[in-house]
Amino acid sequence: MEAEAHTGDFADASDAERVRGRVDRRVLWLVIRADMKDDVLRLMREHVDSGDLHWWSEPVLETGRL
């Protein structure tokens, strides 16, 4: 999913992003078992080359398809 976000670091921002005052971002949602969180975060730290990656954790009470 594509998104935009405010930032304090425009060093790598495009001219258009500087004018808008927001930078392009990508959003990724993962639904995993709670006991897998630390392993997934460790793997992401090892393999994702970004100093500006934000994450959060929240419980998923149910999931399904309509």
Protein backbone atom coordinates (compact mmCIF):
# COMPACT_ATOMS: atom_id res chain seq x y z
CA MET A 1 0.00 0.00 0.00
CA GLU A 2 1.26 3.46 -0.79
CA ALA A 3 1.16 6.31 1.72
CA GLU A 4 2.64 9.71 2.50
CA ALA A 5 4.22 10.84 5.76
CA HIS A 6 5.78 13.87 7.36
CA THR A 7 9.48 13.64 8.12
CA GLY A 8 12.26 15.67 9.61
CA ASP A 9 14.78 14.34 7.09
CA PHE A 10 14.37 15.43 3.48
CA ALA A 11 17.92 14.47 2.45
CA ASP A 12 16.68 11.74 0.10
CA ALA A 13 13.36 13.40 -0.79
CA SER A 14 12.45 14.33 -4.35
CA ASP A 15 11.72 17.93 -5.31
CA ALA A 16 7.99 17.14 -5.39
CA GLU A 17 8.16 15.64 -1.89
CA ARG A 18 9.96 18.73 -0.59
CA VAL A 19 7.28 21.00 -2.06
CA ARG A 20 4.47 18.86 -0.56
CA GLY A 21 6.23 18.62 2.79
CA ARG A 22 5.64 14.86 2.83
CA VAL A 23 7.58 11.88 1.56
CA ASP A 24 6.27 8.77 -0.18
CA ARG A 25 6.05 5.70 2.02
CA ARG A 26 5.01 2.08 1.69
CA VAL A 27 2.77 0.30 4.18
CA LEU A 28 2.97 -3.43 4.84
CA TRP A 29 0.59 -5.29 7.15
CA LEU A 30 1.54 -8.68 8.50
CA VAL A 31 -0.81 -10.88 10.49
CA ILE A 32 1.34 -13.34 12.40
CA ARG A 33 1.17 -15.32 15.61
CA ALA A 34 2.27 -13.25 18.62
CA ASP A 35 5.13 -15.65 19.35
CA MET A 36 6.63 -14.95 15.89
CA LYS A 37 6.94 -11.17 16.34
CA ASP A 38 10.52 -11.10 17.65
CA ASP A 39 11.78 -13.45 14.92
CA VAL A 40 10.08 -11.43 12.18
CA LEU A 41 11.50 -8.16 13.53
CA ARG A 42 14.98 -9.69 13.75
CA LEU A 43 14.79 -10.85 10.13
CA MET A 44 13.53 -7.46 8.96
CA ARG A 45 16.38 -5.70 10.77
CA GLU A 46 18.85 -8.04 9.06
CA HIS A 47 17.40 -7.77 5.54
CA VAL A 48 15.69 -4.38 5.17
CA ASP A 49 18.14 -1.59 4.42
CA SER A 50 16.33 1.34 6.01
CA GLY A 51 17.08 3.60 8.93
CA ASP A 52 13.52 4.89 8.85
CA LEU A 53 11.33 1.82 9.24
CA HIS A 54 8.51 2.12 11.80
CA TRP A 55 6.53 -0.78 13.19
CA TRP A 56 3.86 -1.41 15.80
CA SER A 57 2.10 -4.42 17.21
CA GLU A 58 -1.56 -4.83 18.04
CA PRO A 59 -3.72 -7.87 18.77
CA VAL A 60 -5.91 -9.38 16.07
CA LEU A 61 -8.96 -10.81 17.78
CA GLU A 62 -10.39 -12.47 14.68
CA THR A 63 -9.69 -12.73 10.98
CA GLY A 64 -11.63 -14.12 8.06
CA ARG A 65 -12.96 -13.52 4.56
CA LEU A 66 -16.28 -12.10 3.43
